[in-house]
PDB file of N, CA and C in Angstrom:
ATOM      1  N   MET A   1       0.613  -0.958  -0.118  1.00  0.00           N
ATOM      2  CA  MET A   1      -0.196   0.219   0.206  1.00  0.00           C
ATOM      3  C   MET A   1       0.817   1.124   0.019  1.00  0.00           C
ATOM      4  N   GLN A   2       0.547   2.015  -0.909  1.00  0.00           N
ATOM      5  CA  GLN A   2       1.195   3.458  -0.780  1.00  0.00           C
ATOM      6  C   GLN A   2       1.208   4.112  -0.075  1.00  0.00           C
ATOM      7  N   GLY A   3       2.258   4.723   0.642  1.00  0.00           N
ATOM      8  CA  GLY A   3       1.834   5.714   1.695  1.00  0.00           C
ATOM      9  C   GLY A   3       2.322   4.990   3.116  1.00  0.00           C
ATOM     10  N   PHE A   4       2.473   3.668   3.158  1.00  0.00           N
ATOM     11  CA  PHE A   4       2.742   2.757   4.919  1.00  0.00           C
ATOM     12  C   PHE A   4       3.540   2.613   4.662  1.00  0.00           C
ATOM     13  N   THR A   5       3.817   2.609   6.382  1.00  0.00           N
ATOM     14  CA  THR A   5       5.260   3.121   6.638  1.00  0.00           C
ATOM     15  C   THR A   5       5.410   1.851   7.651  1.00  0.00           C
ATOM     16  N   GLY A   6       4.496   0.646   7.913  1.00  0.00           N
ATOM     17  CA  GLY A   6       4.672  -0.259   8.725  1.00  0.00           C
ATOM     18  C   GLY A   6       5.628  -1.680   8.433  1.00  0.00           C
ATOM     19  N   ASN A   7       5.725  -2.281   9.315  1.00  0.00           N
ATOM     20  CA  ASN A   7       6.635  -3.641   8.911  1.00  0.00           C
ATOM     21  C   ASN A   7       5.917  -4.887   9.539  1.00  0.00           C
ATOM     22  N   THR A   8       4.774  -4.833   8.454  1.00  0.00           N
ATOM     23  CA  THR A   8       3.520  -6.112   8.452  1.00  0.00           C
ATOM     24  C   THR A   8       4.177  -7.461   7.632  1.00  0.00           C
ATOM     25  N   GLU A   9       3.895  -8.279   8.296  1.00  0.00           N
ATOM     26  CA  GLU A   9       4.636  -9.504   7.471  1.00  0.00           C
ATOM     27  C   GLU A   9       2.782 -10.301   6.782  1.00  0.00           C
ATOM     28  N   THR A  10       3.068 -11.298   6.028  1.00  0.00           N
ATOM     29  CA  THR A  10       1.797 -11.533   4.871  1.00  0.00           C
ATOM     30  C   THR A  10       1.821 -12.771   5.263  1.00  0.00           C
ATOM     31  N   ARG A  11       0.191 -13.647   5.588  1.00  0.00           N
ATOM     32  CA  ARG A  11      -0.230 -14.648   5.399  1.00  0.00           C
ATOM     33  C   ARG A  11      -0.495 -15.680   4.390  1.00  0.00           C
ATOM     34  N   ASP A  12      -0.248 -17.210   4.049  1.00  0.00           N
ATOM     35  CA  ASP A  12      -0.125 -17.607   2.715  1.00  0.00           C
ATOM     36  C   ASP A  12      -1.538 -17.149   2.085  1.00  0.00           C
ATOM     37  N   ASP A  13      -2.609 -16.612   2.582  1.00  0.00           N
ATOM     38  CA  ASP A  13      -3.825 -15.941   1.945  1.00  0.00           C
ATOM     39  C   ASP A  13      -3.831 -14.412   1.734  1.00  0.00           C
ATOM     40  N   CYS A  14      -2.511 -14.143   1.368  1.00  0.00           N
ATOM     41  CA  CYS A  14      -2.111 -12.410   1.606  1.00  0.00           C
ATOM     42  C   CYS A  14      -2.589 -11.773   2.418  1.00  0.00           C
ATOM     43  N   ALA A  15      -3.298 -11.859   3.562  1.00  0.00           N
ATOM     44  CA  ALA A  15      -3.896 -11.254   4.918  1.00  0.00           C
ATOM     45  C   ALA A  15      -2.584 -10.698   5.240  1.00  0.00           C
ATOM     46  N   SER A  16      -2.479  -9.506   5.960  1.00  0.00           N
ATOM     47  CA  SER A  16      -1.367  -9.073   6.209  1.00  0.00           C
ATOM     48  C   SER A  16      -1.213  -8.959   7.876  1.00  0.00           C
ATOM     49  N   PHE A  17      -0.612  -9.005   8.695  1.00  0.00           N
ATOM     50  CA  PHE A  17      -0.672  -8.926  10.199  1.00  0.00           C
ATOM     51  C   PHE A  17       0.304  -8.573  10.841  1.00  0.00           C
ATOM     52  N   TRP A  18       0.311  -8.033  12.017  1.00  0.00           N
ATOM     53  CA  TRP A  18       1.882  -7.564  12.900  1.00  0.00           C
ATOM     54  C   TRP A  18       2.372  -8.903  13.766  1.00  0.00           C
ATOM     55  N   PRO A  19       3.582  -9.049  13.408  1.00  0.00           N
ATOM     56  CA  PRO A  19       4.550 -10.079  13.931  1.00  0.00           C
ATOM     57  C   PRO A  19       4.902  -9.833  15.519  1.00  0.00           C
ATOM     58  N   GLY A  20       4.279  -9.095  16.010  1.00  0.00           N
ATOM     59  CA  GLY A  20       4.970  -8.988  17.270  1.00  0.00           C
ATOM     60  C   GLY A  20       4.431  -7.748  18.026  1.00  0.00           C
ATOM     61  N   THR A  21       4.058  -7.660  19.138  1.00  0.00           N
ATOM     62  CA  THR A  21       3.396  -6.488  19.890  1.00  0.00           C
ATOM     63  C   THR A  21       4.304  -5.257  19.704  1.00  0.00           C
ATOM     64  N   ALA A  22       5.560  -4.977  20.215  1.00  0.00           N
ATOM     65  CA  ALA A  22       6.648  -4.163  19.794  1.00  0.00           C
ATOM     66  C   ALA A  22       6.119  -3.395  18.556  1.00  0.00           C
ATOM     67  N   ALA A  23       6.178  -4.001  17.683  1.00  0.00           N
ATOM     68  CA  ALA A  23       6.388  -3.411  16.360  1.00  0.00           C
ATOM     69  C   ALA A  23       5.305  -2.321  16.171  1.00  0.00           C
ATOM     70  N   ALA A  24       4.014  -3.488  16.453  1.00  0.00           N
ATOM     71  CA  ALA A  24       2.397  -2.717  16.658  1.00  0.00           C
ATOM     72  C   ALA A  24       2.242  -1.095  17.216  1.00  0.00           C
ATOM     73  N   ILE A  25       2.846  -1.940  18.424  1.00  0.00           N
ATOM     74  CA  ILE A  25       2.775  -0.505  19.622  1.00  0.00           C
ATOM     75  C   ILE A  25       3.710   0.820  19.139  1.00  0.00           C
ATOM     76  N   ARG A  26       5.231   0.652  18.116  1.00  0.00           N
ATOM     77  CA  ARG A  26       5.888   1.098  17.516  1.00  0.00           C
ATOM     78  C   ARG A  26       5.044   1.940  16.646  1.00  0.00           C
ATOM     79  N   CYS A  27       4.423   1.346  15.982  1.00  0.00           N
ATOM     80  CA  CYS A  27       3.855   2.201  14.763  1.00  0.00           C
ATOM     81  C   CYS A  27       1.978   2.645  14.716  1.00  0.00           C
ATOM     82  N   PHE A  28       1.316   1.881  15.176  1.00  0.00           N
ATOM     83  CA  PHE A  28       0.305   2.079  15.944  1.00  0.00           C
ATOM     84  C   PHE A  28      -0.580   3.049  17.182  1.00  0.00           C
ATOM     85  N   TYR A  29       0.506   2.668  18.182  1.00  0.00           N
ATOM     86  CA  TYR A  29      -0.143   3.138  19.707  1.00  0.00           C
ATOM     87  C   TYR A  29       0.858   3.948  20.276  1.00  0.00           C
ATOM     88  N   HIS A  30       2.543   5.037  19.936  1.00  0.00           N
ATOM     89  CA  HIS A  30       3.484   5.101  20.321  1.00  0.00           C
ATOM     90  C   HIS A  30       2.786   6.840  21.316  1.00  0.00           C
ATOM     91  N   ASP A  31       1.693   6.813  21.088  1.00  0.00           N
ATOM     92  CA  ASP A  31       1.649   7.797  21.782  1.00  0.00           C
ATOM     93  C   ASP A  31       0.462   7.523  22.930  1.00  0.00           C
ATOM     94  N   CYS A  32      -0.079   5.880  23.331  1.00  0.00           N
ATOM     95  CA  CYS A  32      -0.881   5.797  23.984  1.00  0.00           C
ATOM     96  C   CYS A  32      -0.535   5.400  25.640  1.00  0.00           C
ATOM     97  N   THR A  33      -1.086   5.388  26.044  1.00  0.00           N
ATOM     98  CA  THR A  33      -0.485   5.078  27.869  1.00  0.00           C
ATOM     99  C   THR A  33       0.135   3.650  27.212  1.00  0.00           C
ATOM    100  N   PRO A  34       1.041   3.263  28.344  1.00  0.00           N
ATOM    101  CA  PRO A  34       1.433   1.273  28.134  1.00  0.00           C
ATOM    102  C   PRO A  34       0.242   0.138  27.714  1.00  0.00           C
ATOM    103  N   ASP A  35      -0.475   0.991  29.180  1.00  0.00           N
ATOM    104  CA  ASP A  35      -1.677  -0.290  29.352  1.00  0.00           C
ATOM    105  C   ASP A  35      -2.674  -0.124  28.026  1.00  0.00           C
ATOM    106  N   ASP A  36      -3.255   0.896  27.459  1.00  0.00           N
ATOM    107  CA  ASP A  36      -4.013   1.135  25.962  1.00  0.00           C
ATOM    108  C   ASP A  36      -3.297   0.334  25.328  1.00  0.00           C
ATOM    109  N   ALA A  37      -1.685   0.429  25.122  1.00  0.00           N
ATOM    110  CA  ALA A  37      -1.076   0.026  24.090  1.00  0.00           C
ATOM    111  C   ALA A  37      -0.859  -1.377  23.645  1.00  0.00           C
ATOM    112  N   VAL A  38      -0.873  -2.163  24.748  1.00  0.00           N
ATOM    113  CA  VAL A  38      -0.937  -3.536  25.117  1.00  0.00           C
ATOM    114  C   VAL A  38      -1.997  -4.018  24.952  1.00  0.00           C
ATOM    115  N   TRP A  39      -2.977  -3.571  25.248  1.00  0.00           N
ATOM    116  CA  TRP A  39      -4.327  -3.863  25.342  1.00  0.00           C
ATOM    117  C   TRP A  39      -4.806  -3.782  23.533  1.00  0.00           C
ATOM    118  N   ALA A  40      -4.399  -2.517  22.781  1.00  0.00           N
ATOM    119  CA  ALA A  40      -4.759  -2.675  21.672  1.00  0.00           C
ATOM    120  C   ALA A  40      -4.295  -3.623  20.862  1.00  0.00           C
ATOM    121  N   ALA A  41      -2.961  -3.439  21.107  1.00  0.00           N
ATOM    122  CA  ALA A  41      -1.900  -4.529  20.364  1.00  0.00           C
ATOM    123  C   ALA A  41      -2.017  -5.829  20.008  1.00  0.00           C
ATOM    124  N   GLY A  42      -3.146  -6.246  21.150  1.00  0.00           N
ATOM    125  CA  GLY A  42      -3.082  -7.397  21.709  1.00  0.00           C
ATOM    126  C   GLY A  42      -4.721  -7.759  20.778  1.00  0.00           C
ATOM    127  N   ASN A  43      -5.110  -6.911  20.731  1.00  0.00           N
ATOM    128  CA  ASN A  43      -6.594  -7.002  19.871  1.00  0.00           C
ATOM    129  C   ASN A  43      -6.576  -6.809  18.381  1.00  0.00           C
ATOM    130  N   LEU A  44      -5.283  -6.810  17.509  1.00  0.00           N
ATOM    131  CA  LEU A  44      -4.853  -6.754  16.069  1.00  0.00           C
ATOM    132  C   LEU A  44      -5.560  -7.778  15.797  1.00  0.00           C
ATOM    133  N   ARG A  45      -5.727  -7.701  14.320  1.00  0.00           N
ATOM    134  CA  ARG A  45      -6.583  -9.340  13.755  1.00  0.00           C
ATOM    135  C   ARG A  45      -5.775  -8.817  12.386  1.00  0.00           C
ATOM    136  N   ALA A  46      -5.600  -9.918  11.602  1.00  0.00           N
ATOM    137  CA  ALA A  46      -5.124  -9.654  10.296  1.00  0.00           C
ATOM    138  C   ALA A  46      -6.123  -8.885   9.393  1.00  0.00           C
ATOM    139  N   GLN A  47      -5.750  -8.319   8.338  1.00  0.00           N
ATOM    140  CA  GLN A  47      -5.860  -7.228   7.701  1.00  0.00           C
ATOM    141  C   GLN A  47      -6.303  -8.149   6.097  1.00  0.00           C
ATOM    142  N   ALA A  48      -7.346  -8.235   5.574  1.00  0.00           N
ATOM    143  CA  ALA A  48      -7.476  -9.068   4.220  1.00  0.00           C
ATOM    144  C   ALA A  48      -6.970  -8.045   3.078  1.00  0.00           C
ATOM    145  N   ALA A  49      -6.349  -8.931   2.602  1.00  0.00           N
ATOM    146  CA  ALA A  49      -5.444  -7.983   1.179  1.00  0.00           C
ATOM    147  C   ALA A  49      -6.689  -7.917   0.258  1.00  0.00           C
ATOM    148  N   ALA A  50      -7.519  -8.254   0.078  1.00  0.00           N
ATOM    149  CA  ALA A  50      -8.531  -7.892  -0.873  1.00  0.00           C
ATOM    150  C   ALA A  50      -8.918  -6.605  -1.738  1.00  0.00           C
ATOM    151  N   PRO A  51      -9.371  -5.619   0.020  1.00  0.00           N
ATOM    152  CA  PRO A  51      -9.656  -4.410  -0.241  1.00  0.00           C
ATOM    153  C   PRO A  51      -8.166  -3.437  -1.054  1.00  0.00           C
ATOM    154  N   SER A  52      -7.234  -4.039  -1.158  1.00  0.00           N
ATOM    155  CA  SER A  52      -6.254  -3.289  -1.245  1.00  0.00           C
ATOM    156  C   SER A  52      -5.585  -3.745  -2.978  1.00  0.00           C
ATOM    157  N   ARG A  53      -6.396  -4.560  -3.277  1.00  0.00           N
ATOM    158  CA  ARG A  53      -6.045  -5.459  -4.773  1.00  0.00           C
ATOM    159  C   ARG A  53      -7.427  -5.403  -5.463  1.00  0.00           C
ATOM    160  N   GLU A  54      -8.745  -5.078  -5.144  1.00  0.00           N
ATOM    161  CA  GLU A  54      -9.653  -4.800  -5.934  1.00  0.00           C
ATOM    162  C   GLU A  54      -9.634  -3.828  -6.650  1.00  0.00           C
ATOM    163  N   VAL A  55     -10.599  -3.793  -7.749  1.00  0.00           N
ATOM    164  CA  VAL A  55     -10.673  -2.602  -8.321  1.00  0.00           C
ATOM    165  C   VAL A  55     -11.727  -1.580  -7.761  1.00  0.00           C
ATOM    166  N   TRP A  56     -11.486  -0.571  -7.609  1.00  0.00           N
ATOM    167  CA  TRP A  56     -12.634   0.616  -6.945  1.00  0.00           C
ATOM    168  C   TRP A  56     -14.050   0.420  -7.866  1.00  0.00           C
ATOM    169  N   PRO A  57     -14.929  -0.129  -7.297  1.00  0.00           N
ATOM    170  CA  PRO A  57     -16.257   0.059  -7.984  1.00  0.00           C
ATOM    171  C   PRO A  57     -17.227   1.287  -8.500  1.00  0.00           C
ATOM    172  N   LEU A  58     -16.722   2.512  -8.170  1.00  0.00           N
ATOM    173  CA  LEU A  58     -17.585   3.354  -8.899  1.00  0.00           C
ATOM    174  C   LEU A  58     -16.397   4.126  -9.391  1.00  0.00           C
ATOM    175  N   ASP A  59     -17.383   4.583 -10.222  1.00  0.00           N
ATOM    176  CA  ASP A  59     -16.546   5.737 -11.512  1.00  0.00           C
ATOM    177  C   ASP A  59     -16.176   6.510 -10.720  1.00  0.00           C
ATOM    178  N   ALA A  60     -16.590   6.913 -10.126  1.00  0.00           N
ATOM    179  CA  ALA A  60     -16.094   8.368  -9.160  1.00  0.00           C
ATOM    180  C   ALA A  60     -16.749   8.578  -8.221  1.00  0.00           C
ATOM    181  N   MET A  61     -16.259   9.191  -7.021  1.00  0.00           N
ATOM    182  CA  MET A  61     -16.678   9.769  -5.791  1.00  0.00           C
ATOM    183  C   MET A  61     -17.870  10.219  -5.532  1.00  0.00           C
ATOM    184  N   PRO A  62     -18.601   9.965  -4.501  1.00  0.00           N
ATOM    185  CA  PRO A  62     -20.075  10.339  -4.739  1.00  0.00           C
ATOM    186  C   PRO A  62     -19.966  11.520  -4.139  1.00  0.00           C
ATOM    187  N   ASP A  63     -20.939  12.629  -4.776  1.00  0.00           N
ATOM    188  CA  ASP A  63     -20.810  13.974  -4.632  1.00  0.00           C
ATOM    189  C   ASP A  63     -21.776  14.470  -2.856  1.00  0.00           C
ATOM    190  N   VAL A  64     -20.870  14.384  -2.455  1.00  0.00           N
ATOM    191  CA  VAL A  64     -21.217  14.436  -0.575  1.00  0.00           C
ATOM    192  C   VAL A  64     -20.181  15.289  -0.102  1.00  0.00           C
ATOM    193  N   GLU A  65     -20.527  15.287   0.950  1.00  0.00           N
ATOM    194  CA  GLU A  65     -19.806  16.824   1.859  1.00  0.00           C
ATOM    195  C   GLU A  65     -18.496  15.482   2.639  1.00  0.00           C
ATOM    196  N   ARG A  66     -17.296  15.707   2.643  1.00  0.00           N
ATOM    197  CA  ARG A  66     -16.246  15.014   3.221  1.00  0.00           C
ATOM    198  C   ARG A  66     -15.273  16.167   3.729  1.00  0.00           C
ATOM    199  N   THR A  67     -14.672  15.005   4.870  1.00  0.00           N
ATOM    200  CA  THR A  67     -13.198  15.741   5.377  1.00  0.00           C
ATOM    201  C   THR A  67     -12.722  14.670   5.722  1.00  0.00           C
ATOM    202  N   SER A  68     -11.482  15.183   5.739  1.00  0.00           N
ATOM    203  CA  SER A  68     -10.213  14.366   6.085  1.00  0.00           C
ATOM    204  C   SER A  68      -9.536  14.391   7.404  1.00  0.00           C
ATOM    205  N   ILE A  69      -9.333  13.655   8.028  1.00  0.00           N
ATOM    206  CA  ILE A  69      -8.658  14.304   9.649  1.00  0.00           C
ATOM    207  C   ILE A  69      -7.274  13.250   9.897  1.00  0.00           C
ATOM    208  N   ILE A  70      -6.155  13.653   9.713  1.00  0.00           N
ATOM    209  CA  ILE A  70      -5.168  13.177   9.695  1.00  0.00           C
ATOM    210  C   ILE A  70      -4.215  13.686  11.006  1.00  0.00           C
ATOM    211  N   CYS A  71      -2.966  12.568  11.600  1.00  0.00           N
ATOM    212  CA  CYS A  71      -2.134  12.757  12.371  1.00  0.00           C
ATOM    213  C   CYS A  71      -1.077  13.047  12.299  1.00  0.00           C
ATOM    214  N   ARG A  72      -0.461  14.305  12.993  1.00  0.00           N
ATOM    215  CA  ARG A  72       0.584  14.874  12.376  1.00  0.00           C
ATOM    216  C   ARG A  72       1.868  13.819  12.562  1.00  0.00           C
ATOM    217  N   ASP A  73       1.735  13.163  13.758  1.00  0.00           N
ATOM    218  CA  ASP A  73       2.947  12.146  14.198  1.00  0.00           C
ATOM    219  C   ASP A  73       2.339  11.039  13.912  1.00  0.00           C
ATOM    220  N   GLU A  74       1.661  10.478  12.775  1.00  0.00           N
ATOM    221  CA  GLU A  74       1.290   9.040  12.264  1.00  0.00           C
ATOM    222  C   GLU A  74       2.535   8.321  11.731  1.00  0.00           C
ATOM    223  N   ARG A  75       2.633   7.416  12.282  1.00  0.00           N
ATOM    224  CA  ARG A  75       3.817   6.404  11.814  1.00  0.00           C
ATOM    225  C   ARG A  75       3.438   5.024  10.540  1.00  0.00           C
ATOM    226  N   CYS A  76       2.402   5.134  10.754  1.00  0.00           N
ATOM    227  CA  CYS A  76       1.968   3.595   9.935  1.00  0.00           C
ATOM    228  C   CYS A  76       1.677   4.364   8.734  1.00  0.00           C
ATOM    229  N   ILE A  77       1.198   5.024   8.353  1.00  0.00           N
ATOM    230  CA  ILE A  77       0.821   6.249   6.779  1.00  0.00           C
ATOM    231  C   ILE A  77       1.219   7.384   7.045  1.00  0.00           C
ATOM    232  N   SER A  78       2.531   7.608   5.643  1.00  0.00           N
ATOM    233  CA  SER A  78       2.669   8.713   5.638  1.00  0.00           C
ATOM    234  C   SER A  78       2.210   9.937   5.557  1.00  0.00           C
ATOM    235  N   PRO A  79       2.192  10.940   6.425  1.00  0.00           N
ATOM    236  CA  PRO A  79       1.133  12.129   6.873  1.00  0.00           C
ATOM    237  C   PRO A  79       1.216  12.743   5.644  1.00  0.00           C
ATOM    238  N   GLU A  80       2.403  12.962   5.243  1.00  0.00           N
ATOM    239  CA  GLU A  80       2.516  13.758   3.395  1.00  0.00           C
ATOM    240  C   GLU A  80       1.530  12.961   2.344  1.00  0.00           C
ATOM    241  N   TRP A  81       1.812  11.780   2.338  1.00  0.00           N
ATOM    242  CA  TRP A  81       1.030  10.835   1.564  1.00  0.00           C
ATOM    243  C   TRP A  81      -0.756  11.274   1.842  1.00  0.00           C
ATOM    244  N   SER A  82      -0.963  11.036   3.048  1.00  0.00           N
ATOM    245  CA  SER A  82      -2.567  11.414   3.480  1.00  0.00           C
ATOM    246  C   SER A  82      -3.010  12.626   3.042  1.00  0.00           C
ATOM    247  N   ARG A  83      -2.266  13.805   2.767  1.00  0.00           N
ATOM    248  CA  ARG A  83      -2.428  15.399   2.637  1.00  0.00           C
ATOM    249  C   ARG A  83      -2.548  14.855   0.922  1.00  0.00           C
ATOM    250  N   THR A  84      -1.936  14.468   0.312  1.00  0.00           N
ATOM    251  CA  THR A  84      -1.974  14.356  -0.725  1.00  0.00           C
ATOM    252  C   THR A  84      -3.049  13.738  -1.351  1.00  0.00           C
ATOM    253  N   MET A  85      -3.545  12.587  -0.868  1.00  0.00           N
ATOM    254  CA  MET A  85      -4.120  11.976  -1.160  1.00  0.00           C
ATOM    255  C   MET A  85      -5.287  12.729  -0.546  1.00  0.00           C
ATOM    256  N   SER A  86      -5.651  13.426   0.201  1.00  0.00           N
ATOM    257  CA  SER A  86      -7.182  14.036   0.658  1.00  0.00           C
ATOM    258  C   SER A  86      -7.377  14.883  -0.159  1.00  0.00           C
ATOM    259  N   ALA A  87      -6.103  15.882  -1.150  1.00  0.00           N
ATOM    260  CA  ALA A  87      -6.382  16.997  -1.914  1.00  0.00           C
ATOM    261  C   ALA A  87      -6.905  15.903  -3.317  1.00  0.00           C
ATOM    262  N   GLU A  88      -6.217  15.077  -3.748  1.00  0.00           N
ATOM    263  CA  GLU A  88      -5.850  14.411  -4.766  1.00  0.00           C
ATOM    264  C   GLU A  88      -7.586  13.188  -5.068  1.00  0.00           C
ATOM    265  N   GLN A  89      -7.682  12.717  -4.126  1.00  0.00           N
ATOM    266  CA  GLN A  89      -9.092  11.846  -4.194  1.00  0.00           C
ATOM    267  C   GLN A  89     -10.205  12.473  -3.332  1.00  0.00           C
ATOM    268  N   LEU A  90     -10.003  13.248  -2.346  1.00  0.00           N
ATOM    269  CA  LEU A  90     -11.566  13.418  -1.701  1.00  0.00           C
ATOM    270  C   LEU A  90     -11.918  15.115  -2.410  1.00  0.00           C
ATOM    271  N   GLY A  91     -10.868  15.595  -2.989  1.00  0.00           N
ATOM    272  CA  GLY A  91     -10.983  17.164  -2.968  1.00  0.00           C
ATOM    273  C   GLY A  91     -10.694  17.745  -1.578  1.00  0.00           C
ATOM    274  N   VAL A  92     -10.314  17.756  -0.793  1.00  0.00           N
ATOM    275  CA  VAL A  92     -10.313  18.608   0.790  1.00  0.00           C
ATOM    276  C   VAL A  92      -8.796  18.792   1.144  1.00  0.00           C
ATOM    277  N   GLN A  93      -8.630  19.805   1.374  1.00  0.00           N
ATOM    278  CA  GLN A  93      -7.460  20.319   2.382  1.00  0.00           C
ATOM    279  C   GLN A  93      -7.678  19.293   3.656  1.00  0.00           C
ATOM    280  N   PRO A  94      -7.056  18.196   4.468  1.00  0.00           N
ATOM    281  CA  PRO A  94      -7.641  17.895   5.739  1.00  0.00           C
ATOM    282  C   PRO A  94      -7.331  18.385   7.033  1.00  0.00           C
ATOM    283  N   VAL A  95      -7.805  18.433   7.956  1.00  0.00           N
ATOM    284  CA  VAL A  95      -7.939  18.801   9.407  1.00  0.00           C
ATOM    285  C   VAL A  95      -6.838  18.306   9.636  1.00  0.00           C
ATOM    286  N   GLU A  96      -5.667  18.597  10.711  1.00  0.00           N
ATOM    287  CA  GLU A  96      -5.002  17.929  11.266  1.00  0.00           C
ATOM    288  C   GLU A  96      -4.997  17.866  12.975  1.00  0.00           C
ATOM    289  N   LEU A  97      -4.033  16.777  13.650  1.00  0.00           N
ATOM    290  CA  LEU A  97      -4.534  17.057  14.943  1.00  0.00           C
ATOM    291  C   LEU A  97      -2.820  16.141  15.153  1.00  0.00           C
ATOM    292  N   ASP A  98      -2.910  16.516  16.288  1.00  0.00           N
ATOM    293  CA  ASP A  98      -1.531  16.350  16.991  1.00  0.00           C
ATOM    294  C   ASP A  98      -1.642  14.847  17.405  1.00  0.00           C
ATOM    295  N   GLY A  99      -0.559  13.810  17.674  1.00  0.00           N
ATOM    296  CA  GLY A  99      -0.820  12.651  17.846  1.00  0.00           C
ATOM    297  C   GLY A  99      -0.366  11.468  16.650  1.00  0.00           C
ATOM    298  N   GLY A 100      -0.417  10.135  17.130  1.00  0.00           N
ATOM    299  CA  GLY A 100      -0.433   9.236  15.979  1.00  0.00           C
ATOM    300  C   GLY A 100      -1.586   8.803  15.662  1.00  0.00           C
ATOM    301  N   HIS A 101      -1.168   7.453  14.928  1.00  0.00           N
ATOM    302  CA  HIS A 101      -2.280   6.620  14.202  1.00  0.00           C
ATOM    303  C   HIS A 101      -3.668   5.984  15.013  1.00  0.00           C
ATOM    304  N   SER A 102      -3.638   6.818  16.302  1.00  0.00           N
ATOM    305  CA  SER A 102      -4.991   5.818  16.969  1.00  0.00           C
ATOM    306  C   SER A 102      -5.594   6.926  18.077  1.00  0.00           C
ATOM    307  N   PRO A 103      -5.644   8.197  17.380  1.00  0.00           N
ATOM    308  CA  PRO A 103      -6.285   9.149  18.757  1.00  0.00           C
ATOM    309  C   PRO A 103      -7.624   8.823  19.297  1.00  0.00           C
ATOM    310  N   PHE A 104      -8.410   8.056  18.584  1.00  0.00           N
ATOM    311  CA  PHE A 104      -9.845   7.613  19.175  1.00  0.00           C
ATOM    312  C   PHE A 104      -9.173   6.740  20.502  1.00  0.00           C
ATOM    313  N   LEU A 105      -7.872   6.502  20.644  1.00  0.00           N
ATOM    314  CA  LEU A 105      -7.346   5.514  21.873  1.00  0.00           C
ATOM    315  C   LEU A 105      -6.104   6.680  23.149  1.00  0.00           C
ATOM    316  N   ALA A 106      -5.811   7.587  21.947  1.00  0.00           N
ATOM    317  CA  ALA A 106      -5.314   8.442  22.878  1.00  0.00           C
ATOM    318  C   ALA A 106      -4.920   9.938  23.078  1.00  0.00           C
ATOM    319  N   ARG A 107      -6.151  10.021  22.591  1.00  0.00           N
ATOM    320  CA  ARG A 107      -6.764  11.452  22.492  1.00  0.00           C
ATOM    321  C   ARG A 107      -8.104  11.371  22.288  1.00  0.00           C
ATOM    322  N   PRO A 108      -8.948  11.020  22.877  1.00  0.00           N
ATOM    323  CA  PRO A 108     -10.028  10.737  22.245  1.00  0.00           C
ATOM    324  C   PRO A 108     -11.015  12.031  22.428  1.00  0.00           C
ATOM    325  N   ALA A 109     -10.860  12.993  23.411  1.00  0.00           N
ATOM    326  CA  ALA A 109     -11.487  14.165  23.818  1.00  0.00           C
ATOM    327  C   ALA A 109     -11.274  15.094  22.567  1.00  0.00           C
ATOM    328  N   GLU A 110      -9.872  15.045  22.383  1.00  0.00           N
ATOM    329  CA  GLU A 110      -9.746  16.147  21.353  1.00  0.00           C
ATOM    330  C   GLU A 110     -10.221  15.326  19.615  1.00  0.00           C
ATOM    331  N   LEU A 111     -10.314  14.269  19.450  1.00  0.00           N
ATOM    332  CA  LEU A 111     -10.550  14.207  17.881  1.00  0.00           C
ATOM    333  C   LEU A 111     -12.295  14.010  18.272  1.00  0.00           C
ATOM    334  N   ALA A 112     -13.069  13.919  19.269  1.00  0.00           N
ATOM    335  CA  ALA A 112     -14.068  14.248  18.988  1.00  0.00           C
ATOM    336  C   ALA A 112     -14.577  15.534  19.234  1.00  0.00           C
ATOM    337  N   GLU A 113     -13.953  16.539  19.838  1.00  0.00           N
ATOM    338  CA  GLU A 113     -13.933  17.794  19.684  1.00  0.00           C
ATOM    339  C   GLU A 113     -13.757  18.258  17.996  1.00  0.00           C
ATOM    340  N   MET A 114     -12.476  17.937  17.394  1.00  0.00           N
ATOM    341  CA  MET A 114     -12.422  18.081  16.204  1.00  0.00           C
ATOM    342  C   MET A 114     -13.554  17.437  15.043  1.00  0.00           C
ATOM    343  N   ILE A 115     -13.753  16.363  15.332  1.00  0.00           N
ATOM    344  CA  ILE A 115     -15.265  15.908  14.278  1.00  0.00           C
ATOM    345  C   ILE A 115     -16.249  16.771  14.764  1.00  0.00           C
ATOM    346  N   ALA A 116     -16.356  17.035  16.013  1.00  0.00           N
ATOM    347  CA  ALA A 116     -17.809  18.124  16.108  1.00  0.00           C
ATOM    348  C   ALA A 116     -17.348  19.435  15.393  1.00  0.00           C
ATOM    349  N   ARG A 117     -16.672  20.164  15.374  1.00  0.00           N
ATOM    350  CA  ARG A 117     -16.210  21.264  14.798  1.00  0.00           C
ATOM    351  C   ARG A 117     -16.684  21.176  13.320  1.00  0.00           C
ATOM    352  N   VAL A 118     -15.908  19.621  12.323  1.00  0.00           N
ATOM    353  CA  VAL A 118     -16.164  19.686  10.952  1.00  0.00           C
ATOM    354  C   VAL A 118     -17.197  19.171  10.578  1.00  0.00           C
ATOM    355  N   LEU A 119     -18.131  18.794  11.425  1.00  0.00           N
ATOM    356  CA  LEU A 119     -19.861  18.330  10.914  1.00  0.00           C
ATOM    357  C   LEU A 119     -20.531  19.730  10.722  1.00  0.00           C
TER     358      LEU A 119
END
């Protein structure tokens, strides 16, 4: 996947997975509390390959209002790539939040406030 900066492995069915808790924490949960990070990493499951391999089924994005929220300290998907894709694919400039890949766990109040502002 373009923009991805993680260290996953691939199973025989082509699903990707994190081979160890420490690698997942470094990528997804580096700004969470240690207890939350361990809990979250322990709940990760393999990600199917099909969504990244199948052709997009629509001719164009639906004509709906949209917002892209990205995190400045993201380690899994490059923030620069996300900024570019927000503009090119969604036609919006992203709003940015401090923190990493999992603001719903690391800073839920800030994320909720941002979502409320953009609605």
